[in-house]
Amino acid sequence: DRIKTDIKIKTDSIQKDLILLKTLNY
């Protein structure tokens, strides 16, 4: 279970980074 939450946190942060990149591009 711990590994799953770890992966979820990582993917969440990656998505946030992608959103930040998109907003910066616009």
PDB file of N, CA and C in Angstrom:
ATOM      1  N   ASP A   1       0.836  -1.210   0.000  1.00  0.00           N
ATOM      2  CA  ASP A   1       0.000   0.000   0.000  1.00  0.00           C
ATOM      3  C   ASP A   1       0.866   1.253   0.000  1.00  0.00           C
ATOM      4  N   ARG A   2       1.944   1.208   0.765  1.00  0.00           N
ATOM      5  CA  ARG A   2       2.825   2.387   0.825  1.00  0.00           C
ATOM      6  C   ARG A   2       3.383   2.727  -0.556  1.00  0.00           C
ATOM      7  N   ILE A   3       3.783   1.704  -1.283  1.00  0.00           N
ATOM      8  CA  ILE A   3       4.362   1.952  -2.612  1.00  0.00           C
ATOM      9  C   ILE A   3       3.305   2.602  -3.511  1.00  0.00           C
ATOM     10  N   LYS A   4       2.068   2.139  -3.401  1.00  0.00           N
ATOM     11  CA  LYS A   4       1.001   2.704  -4.258  1.00  0.00           C
ATOM     12  C   LYS A   4       0.816   4.184  -3.964  1.00  0.00           C
ATOM     13  N   THR A   5       0.768   4.534  -2.691  1.00  0.00           N
ATOM     14  CA  THR A   5       0.584   5.961  -2.360  1.00  0.00           C
ATOM     15  C   THR A   5       1.794   6.750  -2.838  1.00  0.00           C
ATOM     16  N   ASP A   6       2.969   6.166  -2.727  1.00  0.00           N
ATOM     17  CA  ASP A   6       4.191   6.839  -3.190  1.00  0.00           C
ATOM     18  C   ASP A   6       4.073   7.145  -4.684  1.00  0.00           C
ATOM     19  N   ILE A   7       3.655   6.153  -5.442  1.00  0.00           N
ATOM     20  CA  ILE A   7       3.505   6.341  -6.894  1.00  0.00           C
ATOM     21  C   ILE A   7       2.452   7.398  -7.170  1.00  0.00           C
ATOM     22  N   LYS A   8       1.349   7.351  -6.422  1.00  0.00           N
ATOM     23  CA  LYS A   8       0.279   8.335  -6.652  1.00  0.00           C
ATOM     24  C   LYS A   8       0.792   9.748  -6.390  1.00  0.00           C
ATOM     25  N   ILE A   9       1.537   9.919  -5.327  1.00  0.00           N
ATOM     26  CA  ILE A   9       2.085  11.251  -5.010  1.00  0.00           C
ATOM     27  C   ILE A   9       2.999  11.707  -6.147  1.00  0.00           C
ATOM     28  N   LYS A  10       3.802  10.800  -6.648  1.00  0.00           N
ATOM     29  CA  LYS A  10       4.731  11.164  -7.731  1.00  0.00           C
ATOM     30  C   LYS A  10       3.962  11.566  -8.985  1.00  0.00           C
ATOM     31  N   THR A  11       2.970  10.783  -9.350  1.00  0.00           N
ATOM     32  CA  THR A  11       2.196  11.111 -10.558  1.00  0.00           C
ATOM     33  C   THR A  11       1.447  12.423 -10.348  1.00  0.00           C
ATOM     34  N   ASP A  12       0.948  12.635  -9.132  1.00  0.00           N
ATOM     35  CA  ASP A  12       0.234  13.894  -8.842  1.00  0.00           C
ATOM     36  C   ASP A  12       1.176  15.078  -9.040  1.00  0.00           C
ATOM     37  N   SER A  13       2.372  14.957  -8.515  1.00  0.00           N
ATOM     38  CA  SER A  13       3.328  16.070  -8.651  1.00  0.00           C
ATOM     39  C   SER A  13       3.709  16.261 -10.123  1.00  0.00           C
ATOM     40  N   ILE A  14       3.828  15.173 -10.854  1.00  0.00           N
ATOM     41  CA  ILE A  14       4.170  15.283 -12.291  1.00  0.00           C
ATOM     42  C   ILE A  14       3.053  16.020 -13.019  1.00  0.00           C
ATOM     43  N   GLN A  15       1.811  15.681 -12.692  1.00  0.00           N
ATOM     44  CA  GLN A  15       0.677  16.358 -13.347  1.00  0.00           C
ATOM     45  C   GLN A  15       0.700  17.839 -13.017  1.00  0.00           C
ATOM     46  N   LYS A  16       1.022  18.157 -11.775  1.00  0.00           N
ATOM     47  CA  LYS A  16       1.082  19.576 -11.380  1.00  0.00           C
ATOM     48  C   LYS A  16       2.180  20.279 -12.181  1.00  0.00           C
ATOM     49  N   ASP A  17       3.301  19.608 -12.337  1.00  0.00           N
ATOM     50  CA  ASP A  17       4.408  20.196 -13.115  1.00  0.00           C
ATOM     51  C   ASP A  17       3.955  20.442 -14.552  1.00  0.00           C
ATOM     52  N   LEU A  18       3.241  19.471 -15.124  1.00  0.00           N
ATOM     53  CA  LEU A  18       2.771  19.622 -16.506  1.00  0.00           C
ATOM     54  C   LEU A  18       1.820  20.806 -16.599  1.00  0.00           C
ATOM     55  N   ILE A  19       0.943  20.943 -15.625  1.00  0.00           N
ATOM     56  CA  ILE A  19      -0.020  22.066 -15.640  1.00  0.00           C
ATOM     57  C   ILE A  19       0.756  23.379 -15.539  1.00  0.00           C
ATOM     58  N   LEU A  20       1.754  23.410 -14.690  1.00  0.00           N
ATOM     59  CA  LEU A  20       2.573  24.625 -14.541  1.00  0.00           C
ATOM     60  C   LEU A  20       3.242  24.956 -15.870  1.00  0.00           C
ATOM     61  N   LEU A  21       3.788  23.953 -16.524  1.00  0.00           N
ATOM     62  CA  LEU A  21       4.454  24.182 -17.810  1.00  0.00           C
ATOM     63  C   LEU A  21       3.457  24.745 -18.820  1.00  0.00           C
ATOM     64  N   LYS A  22       2.255  24.188 -18.838  1.00  0.00           N
ATOM     65  CA  LYS A  22       1.237  24.667 -19.788  1.00  0.00           C
ATOM     66  C   LYS A  22       0.897  26.125 -19.512  1.00  0.00           C
ATOM     67  N   THR A  23       0.706  26.451 -18.246  1.00  0.00           N
ATOM     68  CA  THR A  23       0.342  27.838 -17.912  1.00  0.00           C
ATOM     69  C   THR A  23       1.500  28.772 -18.262  1.00  0.00           C
ATOM     70  N   LEU A  24       2.711  28.309 -18.071  1.00  0.00           N
ATOM     71  CA  LEU A  24       3.874  29.157 -18.379  1.00  0.00           C
ATOM     72  C   LEU A  24       3.970  29.394 -19.887  1.00  0.00           C
ATOM     73  N   ASN A  25       3.621  28.380 -20.656  1.00  0.00           N
ATOM     74  CA  ASN A  25       3.694  28.511 -22.118  1.00  0.00           C
ATOM     75  C   ASN A  25       2.659  29.514 -22.622  1.00  0.00           C
ATOM     76  N   TYR A  26       1.545  29.643 -21.910  1.00  0.00           N
ATOM     77  CA  TYR A  26       0.483  30.554 -22.366  1.00  0.00           C
ATOM     78  C   TYR A  26       0.651  31.924 -21.811  1.00  0.00           C
TER      79      TYR A  26
END
